[in-house]
Amino acid sequence: MNVMNVDTKKLLERVASWPPEDQDELAEVAEIEARRNGIYRLSDEERAAVRQGIEAARRGGFVPDGKMGAYYKRHRGD
């Protein structure tokens, strides 16, 4: 059986009194649960960005390989 350490328990007790936006920010930063169980939950902003990317792909909105190669060479120092 896992037992929560004292510092973590104290922190979580304090977090319960934080405003919701601060609790949300902590949850975004502390993505430990997602890493532990292999499930990542997209934020609304991330979900919208994925939808935009999918729609751009459907329209053929791809960057040509040559341009991407030049980009990577410039930014990775290849």
Protein backbone atom coordinates (compact mmCIF):
# COMPACT_ATOMS: atom_id res chain seq x y z
CA MET A 1 0.00 0.00 0.00
CA ASN A 2 1.30 3.47 -0.91
CA VAL A 3 1.23 6.13 1.78
CA MET A 4 1.32 9.82 0.94
CA ASN A 5 4.33 11.57 2.44
CA VAL A 6 3.72 14.35 4.95
CA ASP A 7 4.90 17.20 2.71
CA THR A 8 2.66 16.13 -0.15
CA LYS A 9 -0.32 15.74 2.14
CA LYS A 10 0.22 19.25 3.58
CA LEU A 11 0.57 20.72 0.11
CA LEU A 12 -2.65 19.11 -1.11
CA GLU A 13 -4.50 20.37 1.95
CA ARG A 14 -3.36 23.91 1.10
CA VAL A 15 -4.17 23.50 -2.60
CA ALA A 16 -7.79 22.74 -1.69
CA SER A 17 -8.13 26.35 -0.51
CA TRP A 18 -6.65 27.86 -3.69
CA PRO A 19 -8.85 29.58 -6.28
CA PRO A 20 -9.96 27.27 -9.12
CA GLU A 21 -7.71 28.95 -11.71
CA ASP A 22 -4.63 28.29 -9.55
CA GLN A 23 -5.68 24.67 -9.06
CA ASP A 24 -6.11 24.35 -12.84
CA GLU A 25 -2.64 25.80 -13.41
CA LEU A 26 -1.12 23.33 -10.95
CA ALA A 27 -2.88 20.45 -12.70
CA GLU A 28 -1.49 21.57 -16.08
CA VAL A 29 2.05 21.83 -14.76
CA ALA A 30 2.01 18.62 -12.74
CA GLU A 31 1.08 16.22 -15.55
CA ILE A 32 2.43 13.36 -13.45
CA GLU A 33 -0.88 11.48 -13.42
CA ALA A 34 -1.01 11.41 -17.21
CA ARG A 35 2.57 10.16 -17.35
CA ARG A 36 1.83 7.45 -14.78
CA ASN A 37 -1.33 6.09 -16.40
CA GLY A 38 -0.52 6.83 -20.05
CA ILE A 39 -3.58 9.03 -20.62
CA TYR A 40 -3.16 12.65 -21.62
CA ARG A 41 -6.17 14.94 -21.59
CA LEU A 42 -6.04 17.75 -24.14
CA SER A 43 -6.96 21.23 -23.04
CA ASP A 44 -9.60 23.08 -25.06
CA GLU A 45 -6.84 25.13 -26.68
CA GLU A 46 -4.85 22.02 -27.62
CA ARG A 47 -7.97 20.34 -29.00
CA ALA A 48 -8.70 23.41 -31.16
CA ALA A 49 -5.11 23.44 -32.45
CA VAL A 50 -5.33 19.75 -33.39
CA ARG A 51 -8.60 20.38 -35.23
CA GLN A 52 -7.00 23.29 -37.11
CA GLY A 53 -4.07 21.09 -38.10
CA ILE A 54 -6.33 18.29 -39.30
CA GLU A 55 -8.40 20.73 -41.34
CA ALA A 56 -5.26 22.27 -42.86
CA ALA A 57 -4.06 18.77 -43.80
CA ARG A 58 -7.42 18.02 -45.45
CA ARG A 59 -7.01 21.18 -47.52
CA GLY A 60 -3.49 20.10 -48.50
CA GLY A 61 -1.87 22.77 -46.34
CA PHE A 62 1.51 21.10 -46.02
CA VAL A 63 4.93 22.69 -46.10
CA PRO A 64 7.07 21.21 -48.88
CA ASP A 65 9.84 18.85 -47.71
CA GLY A 66 12.53 21.16 -49.09
CA LYS A 67 11.35 24.06 -46.96
CA MET A 68 11.18 21.84 -43.88
CA GLY A 69 14.70 20.57 -44.57
CA ALA A 70 15.96 24.14 -44.77
CA TYR A 71 14.13 25.00 -41.55
CA TYR A 72 15.66 22.08 -39.65
CA LYS A 73 19.11 22.83 -41.03
CA ARG A 74 18.86 26.45 -39.92
CA HIS A 75 17.44 25.71 -36.45
CA ARG A 76 19.31 22.54 -35.55
CA GLY A 77 22.62 23.62 -36.99
CA ASP A 78 22.88 20.64 -39.40
